Structures are given as structure tokens and as C-alpha cells.
Amino acid sequence: MFDRVGGEAAPEHGRRMTRTKPSSITDARRGARLAAVQALYQMEISGGGVKSTVREYLDHRLGEDSETGPLETADVDFFRALVEGVVEEQALIDASIKLRLAKGWRLDRIDSIVRAAVRVATFELLRRADVPVAVVIDEYVGIVNAFFDGPEGGFTNGLLDRLARELNANDFRQLTS
């Protein structure tokens, strides 16, 4: 698969991501979100478990490596909470998404990267009241747009907007007033 990340080919499965230095908490959370989407994608493709996948990311992809220096910038606690939360609540998350899909669409019809992004975003909409709805939508649409040049970003935006309106009506009203 030749996905795009920031205008460059995405790393092949198992290869290290681009290394960046954090400039803020926002960057660390953005890195955690991207890593969570990649970890869920990896778990789906490989059939790996949550504990081993999280451990792999913590040991080899996020934080510091004594031999190579800084790895991908990410809030590791936030990353762990996202990945473990999605896995723990996947039945509820998937049911929430399925209810908002257009007639005739099935969850398994959505590209696996988009599906991973929408699942993590839905978890944040359901369980992370500390994160503004607009931030959730913007971050995950940005992640999807980093991988795809086509309509996937618009699809993700529409689906997350629908989810946000229905799941977090009060927060959404505050956001738009």
C-alpha cells in the first residue's frame, strides 16, 4: 500500500516513522492520535493484540531510544488511553458508527485506515469530554487527509460531524454559538 503522509510515501509496515521534536502539548497529542490510528491499523492487518502492539509502540516508535535519540513525538499516556479505550469499547464504538453510515454502507466497506481514524475519533467523542469536538474532528480529518488525496477526508468529516452532533449535542451547540 502506498499511502501518503505529509506529501511523502508512508513508511512500510514495521518501519520507523519520521522523527520530530515536540513544540507543544498539542504536537504531543497529535502524535499520539496518529500513532493510535497506525497501531489500530497494524492490529487489524496483523491480528496482533493490544498489549503487544502498545508495548511495541512504546518501546520502539514513541519517546526516546538510547541508540537513536528522539523517536516520534507523542503523549504516550494519551496514546495508550486511546488504543486501549478503542479496543475495550469497540462494540459500542462500531455500533455508534454503523448507526450514522449512509444506507447501504457497512463498516467493513470503509478503508481500514479511515476506519481506524473514525474509531479513535468516536472514542474521543464518547469518552474524552476534555477535548473540544472541533479539535477531534479537525485532527482526525487531518490524519485521513495525510494518507489520502481523494474523498476520504470529506467522508470522514461528514461522518464525524454527524457523530459529534448526535453524541455530543450540548458541546456541539456551544462550539457553533
C-alpha atoms as a PDB file:
ATOM      1  CA  MET A   1       0.000   0.000   0.000  1.00  0.00           C
ATOM      2  CA  PHE A   2       1.365   3.390  -0.959  1.00  0.00           C
ATOM      3  CA  ASP A   3      -0.239   5.893   1.369  1.00  0.00           C
ATOM      4  CA  ARG A   4       0.772   9.490   1.665  1.00  0.00           C
ATOM      5  CA  VAL A   5       1.889  11.214   4.831  1.00  0.00           C
ATOM      6  CA  GLY A   6       2.818  14.853   4.540  1.00  0.00           C
ATOM      7  CA  GLY A   7       3.460  14.513   0.810  1.00  0.00           C
ATOM      8  CA  GLU A   8       5.808  11.557   1.199  1.00  0.00           C
ATOM      9  CA  ALA A   9       5.232   7.847   0.947  1.00  0.00           C
ATOM     10  CA  ALA A  10       4.132   6.416   4.270  1.00  0.00           C
ATOM     11  CA  PRO A  11       6.528   4.027   5.977  1.00  0.00           C
ATOM     12  CA  GLU A  12       6.018   0.393   5.182  1.00  0.00           C
ATOM     13  CA  HIS A  13       4.587  -1.785   7.918  1.00  0.00           C
ATOM     14  CA  GLY A  14       7.180  -2.231  10.657  1.00  0.00           C
ATOM     15  CA  ARG A  15       9.422   0.668   9.637  1.00  0.00           C
ATOM     16  CA  ARG A  16      10.010   3.662  11.872  1.00  0.00           C
ATOM     17  CA  MET A  17       8.042   6.853  11.428  1.00  0.00           C
ATOM     18  CA  THR A  18       9.600  10.265  10.780  1.00  0.00           C
ATOM     19  CA  ARG A  19      11.224  11.698  13.876  1.00  0.00           C
ATOM     20  CA  THR A  20      10.172  15.125  15.068  1.00  0.00           C
ATOM     21  CA  LYS A  21      10.809  17.206  18.146  1.00  0.00           C
ATOM     22  CA  PRO A  22       7.802  18.341  20.208  1.00  0.00           C
ATOM     23  CA  SER A  23       6.918  22.015  20.146  1.00  0.00           C
ATOM     24  CA  SER A  24       3.904  21.779  22.437  1.00  0.00           C
ATOM     25  CA  ILE A  25       1.368  19.607  24.182  1.00  0.00           C
ATOM     26  CA  THR A  26      -0.740  19.907  21.024  1.00  0.00           C
ATOM     27  CA  ASP A  27       2.030  18.312  18.956  1.00  0.00           C
ATOM     28  CA  ALA A  28       2.392  15.506  21.506  1.00  0.00           C
ATOM     29  CA  ARG A  29      -1.346  14.800  21.380  1.00  0.00           C
ATOM     30  CA  ARG A  30      -1.341  14.986  17.578  1.00  0.00           C
ATOM     31  CA  GLY A  31       1.483  12.431  17.546  1.00  0.00           C
ATOM     32  CA  ALA A  32      -0.454  10.198  19.938  1.00  0.00           C
ATOM     33  CA  ARG A  33      -3.515  10.335  17.696  1.00  0.00           C
ATOM     34  CA  LEU A  34      -1.535   9.461  14.584  1.00  0.00           C
ATOM     35  CA  ALA A  35       0.247   6.621  16.398  1.00  0.00           C
ATOM     36  CA  ALA A  36      -3.097   5.328  17.743  1.00  0.00           C
ATOM     37  CA  VAL A  37      -4.562   5.203  14.223  1.00  0.00           C
ATOM     38  CA  GLN A  38      -1.436   3.420  12.963  1.00  0.00           C
ATOM     39  CA  ALA A  39      -1.469   0.974  15.879  1.00  0.00           C
ATOM     40  CA  LEU A  40      -5.134   0.076  15.317  1.00  0.00           C
ATOM     41  CA  TYR A  41      -4.473  -0.347  11.606  1.00  0.00           C
ATOM     42  CA  GLN A  42      -1.498  -2.580  12.415  1.00  0.00           C
ATOM     43  CA  MET A  43      -3.579  -4.662  14.831  1.00  0.00           C
ATOM     44  CA  GLU A  44      -6.301  -5.151  12.227  1.00  0.00           C
ATOM     45  CA  ILE A  45      -3.869  -6.145   9.481  1.00  0.00           C
ATOM     46  CA  SER A  46      -1.596  -8.357  11.598  1.00  0.00           C
ATOM     47  CA  GLY A  47      -4.137  -9.718  14.068  1.00  0.00           C
ATOM     48  CA  GLY A  48      -1.855  -8.610  16.914  1.00  0.00           C
ATOM     49  CA  GLY A  49      -3.127  -7.932  20.396  1.00  0.00           C
ATOM     50  CA  VAL A  50      -3.484  -4.599  22.120  1.00  0.00           C
ATOM     51  CA  LYS A  51      -0.867  -5.221  24.811  1.00  0.00           C
ATOM     52  CA  SER A  52       1.880  -6.304  22.437  1.00  0.00           C
ATOM     53  CA  THR A  53       1.097  -3.531  19.949  1.00  0.00           C
ATOM     54  CA  VAL A  54       1.083  -0.814  22.609  1.00  0.00           C
ATOM     55  CA  ARG A  55       4.334  -2.207  24.020  1.00  0.00           C
ATOM     56  CA  GLU A  56       5.925  -2.185  20.543  1.00  0.00           C
ATOM     57  CA  TYR A  57       4.987   1.463  20.042  1.00  0.00           C
ATOM     58  CA  LEU A  58       6.181   2.468  23.494  1.00  0.00           C
ATOM     59  CA  ASP A  59       9.479   0.592  23.132  1.00  0.00           C
ATOM     60  CA  HIS A  60      10.327   1.293  19.500  1.00  0.00           C
ATOM     61  CA  ARG A  61       8.288   4.108  17.986  1.00  0.00           C
ATOM     62  CA  LEU A  62       7.494   6.704  20.650  1.00  0.00           C
ATOM     63  CA  GLY A  63       9.583   8.606  23.191  1.00  0.00           C
ATOM     64  CA  GLU A  64      13.366   8.169  23.397  1.00  0.00           C
ATOM     65  CA  ASP A  65      15.660   5.421  22.185  1.00  0.00           C
ATOM     66  CA  SER A  66      19.104   5.322  23.806  1.00  0.00           C
ATOM     67  CA  GLU A  67      20.739   4.347  20.497  1.00  0.00           C
ATOM     68  CA  THR A  68      18.925   6.561  18.005  1.00  0.00           C
ATOM     69  CA  GLY A  69      17.726   9.521  20.102  1.00  0.00           C
ATOM     70  CA  PRO A  70      14.234  11.035  19.877  1.00  0.00           C
ATOM     71  CA  LEU A  71      11.529   8.942  18.257  1.00  0.00           C
ATOM     72  CA  GLU A  72       8.074  10.062  17.125  1.00  0.00           C
ATOM     73  CA  THR A  73       6.723  12.819  19.343  1.00  0.00           C
ATOM     74  CA  ALA A  74       3.667  11.635  21.243  1.00  0.00           C
ATOM     75  CA  ASP A  75       1.973  11.865  24.593  1.00  0.00           C
ATOM     76  CA  VAL A  76       2.442   8.202  25.499  1.00  0.00           C
ATOM     77  CA  ASP A  77      -0.251   8.177  28.196  1.00  0.00           C
ATOM     78  CA  PHE A  78      -2.761   9.677  25.776  1.00  0.00           C
ATOM     79  CA  PHE A  79      -1.681   7.164  23.086  1.00  0.00           C
ATOM     80  CA  ARG A  80      -2.169   4.250  25.476  1.00  0.00           C
ATOM     81  CA  ALA A  81      -5.567   5.564  26.622  1.00  0.00           C
ATOM     82  CA  LEU A  82      -6.756   5.927  23.026  1.00  0.00           C
ATOM     83  CA  VAL A  83      -5.661   2.496  21.800  1.00  0.00           C
ATOM     84  CA  GLU A  84      -6.779   0.604  24.904  1.00  0.00           C
ATOM     85  CA  GLY A  85     -10.022   2.588  25.060  1.00  0.00           C
ATOM     86  CA  VAL A  86     -10.941   1.817  21.464  1.00  0.00           C
ATOM     87  CA  VAL A  87     -10.245  -1.882  21.950  1.00  0.00           C
ATOM     88  CA  GLU A  88     -12.204  -2.032  25.231  1.00  0.00           C
ATOM     89  CA  GLU A  89     -15.196  -0.205  23.778  1.00  0.00           C
ATOM     90  CA  GLN A  90     -15.058  -1.350  20.164  1.00  0.00           C
ATOM     91  CA  ALA A  91     -18.564  -2.850  20.194  1.00  0.00           C
ATOM     92  CA  LEU A  92     -20.097   0.449  21.372  1.00  0.00           C
ATOM     93  CA  ILE A  93     -17.893   2.491  19.027  1.00  0.00           C
ATOM     94  CA  ASP A  94     -18.713   0.350  15.996  1.00  0.00           C
ATOM     95  CA  ALA A  95     -22.439   0.428  16.815  1.00  0.00           C
ATOM     96  CA  SER A  96     -22.279   4.236  17.088  1.00  0.00           C
ATOM     97  CA  ILE A  97     -20.565   4.485  13.712  1.00  0.00           C
ATOM     98  CA  LYS A  98     -22.883   1.989  11.981  1.00  0.00           C
ATOM     99  CA  LEU A  99     -25.944   3.983  13.045  1.00  0.00           C
ATOM    100  CA  ARG A 100     -24.569   7.045  11.241  1.00  0.00           C
ATOM    101  CA  LEU A 101     -23.447   5.440   7.991  1.00  0.00           C
ATOM    102  CA  ALA A 102     -25.451   6.093   4.836  1.00  0.00           C
ATOM    103  CA  LYS A 103     -27.969   3.455   3.832  1.00  0.00           C
ATOM    104  CA  GLY A 104     -26.232   0.521   2.188  1.00  0.00           C
ATOM    105  CA  TRP A 105     -22.833   1.242   3.752  1.00  0.00           C
ATOM    106  CA  ARG A 106     -21.176  -1.258   6.053  1.00  0.00           C
ATOM    107  CA  LEU A 107     -18.313  -0.550   8.421  1.00  0.00           C
ATOM    108  CA  ASP A 108     -16.134  -3.145   6.707  1.00  0.00           C
ATOM    109  CA  ARG A 109     -16.599  -1.274   3.416  1.00  0.00           C
ATOM    110  CA  ILE A 110     -14.660   1.716   4.799  1.00  0.00           C
ATOM    111  CA  ASP A 111     -10.909   1.709   4.147  1.00  0.00           C
ATOM    112  CA  SER A 112      -9.048   0.253   7.141  1.00  0.00           C
ATOM    113  CA  ILE A 113      -7.060   3.444   7.825  1.00  0.00           C
ATOM    114  CA  VAL A 114     -10.198   5.582   7.684  1.00  0.00           C
ATOM    115  CA  ARG A 115     -11.985   3.034   9.868  1.00  0.00           C
ATOM    116  CA  ALA A 116      -9.181   3.210  12.457  1.00  0.00           C
ATOM    117  CA  ALA A 117      -9.264   7.021  12.444  1.00  0.00           C
ATOM    118  CA  VAL A 118     -13.050   7.142  12.814  1.00  0.00           C
ATOM    119  CA  ARG A 119     -12.932   4.612  15.654  1.00  0.00           C
ATOM    120  CA  VAL A 120     -10.371   6.624  17.619  1.00  0.00           C
ATOM    121  CA  ALA A 121     -12.265   9.853  16.933  1.00  0.00           C
ATOM    122  CA  THR A 122     -15.519   8.245  18.081  1.00  0.00           C
ATOM    123  CA  PHE A 123     -13.820   7.106  21.280  1.00  0.00           C
ATOM    124  CA  GLU A 124     -12.707  10.684  21.910  1.00  0.00           C
ATOM    125  CA  LEU A 125     -16.210  11.999  21.197  1.00  0.00           C
ATOM    126  CA  LEU A 126     -17.719   9.453  23.580  1.00  0.00           C
ATOM    127  CA  ARG A 127     -15.174   9.447  26.402  1.00  0.00           C
ATOM    128  CA  ARG A 128     -12.909  12.498  26.249  1.00  0.00           C
ATOM    129  CA  ALA A 129     -15.076  15.433  27.314  1.00  0.00           C
ATOM    130  CA  ASP A 130     -11.833  17.338  27.971  1.00  0.00           C
ATOM    131  CA  VAL A 131     -11.154  17.528  24.221  1.00  0.00           C
ATOM    132  CA  PRO A 132     -13.233  20.034  22.214  1.00  0.00           C
ATOM    133  CA  VAL A 133     -15.355  18.492  19.475  1.00  0.00           C
ATOM    134  CA  ALA A 134     -13.811  20.769  16.835  1.00  0.00           C
ATOM    135  CA  VAL A 135     -10.338  19.540  17.778  1.00  0.00           C
ATOM    136  CA  VAL A 136     -11.385  15.889  17.455  1.00  0.00           C
ATOM    137  CA  ILE A 137     -12.891  16.430  14.015  1.00  0.00           C
ATOM    138  CA  ASP A 138     -10.012  18.572  12.759  1.00  0.00           C
ATOM    139  CA  GLU A 139      -7.300  16.211  13.997  1.00  0.00           C
ATOM    140  CA  TYR A 140      -8.747  13.030  12.505  1.00  0.00           C
ATOM    141  CA  VAL A 141      -9.745  14.639   9.204  1.00  0.00           C
ATOM    142  CA  GLY A 142      -6.147  15.887   9.035  1.00  0.00           C
ATOM    143  CA  ILE A 143      -4.808  12.387   9.682  1.00  0.00           C
ATOM    144  CA  VAL A 144      -7.019  10.905   6.964  1.00  0.00           C
ATOM    145  CA  ASN A 145      -6.039  13.675   4.528  1.00  0.00           C
ATOM    146  CA  ALA A 146      -2.385  12.894   5.214  1.00  0.00           C
ATOM    147  CA  PHE A 147      -2.951   9.377   3.878  1.00  0.00           C
ATOM    148  CA  PHE A 148      -5.373  10.089   1.022  1.00  0.00           C
ATOM    149  CA  ASP A 149      -5.778  12.678  -1.728  1.00  0.00           C
ATOM    150  CA  GLY A 150      -9.348  11.678  -2.590  1.00  0.00           C
ATOM    151  CA  PRO A 151     -12.761  11.976  -0.975  1.00  0.00           C
ATOM    152  CA  GLU A 152     -11.819  10.117   2.212  1.00  0.00           C
ATOM    153  CA  GLY A 153     -11.240  13.339   4.154  1.00  0.00           C
ATOM    154  CA  GLY A 154     -14.676  14.678   3.233  1.00  0.00           C
ATOM    155  CA  PHE A 155     -16.287  11.358   4.101  1.00  0.00           C
ATOM    156  CA  THR A 156     -14.518  11.376   7.475  1.00  0.00           C
ATOM    157  CA  ASN A 157     -15.510  14.976   8.122  1.00  0.00           C
ATOM    158  CA  GLY A 158     -19.183  14.294   7.348  1.00  0.00           C
ATOM    159  CA  LEU A 159     -19.311  11.142   9.453  1.00  0.00           C
ATOM    160  CA  LEU A 160     -17.541  12.726  12.439  1.00  0.00           C
ATOM    161  CA  ASP A 161     -19.739  15.823  12.186  1.00  0.00           C
ATOM    162  CA  ARG A 162     -22.840  13.601  12.313  1.00  0.00           C
ATOM    163  CA  LEU A 163     -21.408  11.643  15.243  1.00  0.00           C
ATOM    164  CA  ALA A 164     -20.498  14.843  17.091  1.00  0.00           C
ATOM    165  CA  ARG A 165     -23.934  16.355  16.610  1.00  0.00           C
ATOM    166  CA  GLU A 166     -25.692  13.246  17.863  1.00  0.00           C
ATOM    167  CA  LEU A 167     -23.284  12.126  20.593  1.00  0.00           C
ATOM    168  CA  ASN A 168     -22.260  15.496  21.987  1.00  0.00           C
ATOM    169  CA  ALA A 169     -25.171  17.772  21.126  1.00  0.00           C
ATOM    170  CA  ASN A 170     -24.529  20.149  24.044  1.00  0.00           C
ATOM    171  CA  ASP A 171     -20.818  20.515  23.309  1.00  0.00           C
ATOM    172  CA  PHE A 172     -21.528  20.989  19.603  1.00  0.00           C
ATOM    173  CA  ARG A 173     -24.098  23.716  20.303  1.00  0.00           C
ATOM    174  CA  GLN A 174     -21.543  25.578  22.424  1.00  0.00           C
ATOM    175  CA  LEU A 175     -18.995  25.214  19.668  1.00  0.00           C
ATOM    176  CA  THR A 176     -21.215  26.735  16.991  1.00  0.00           C
ATOM    177  CA  SER A 177     -22.742  29.583  19.020  1.00  0.00           C
END
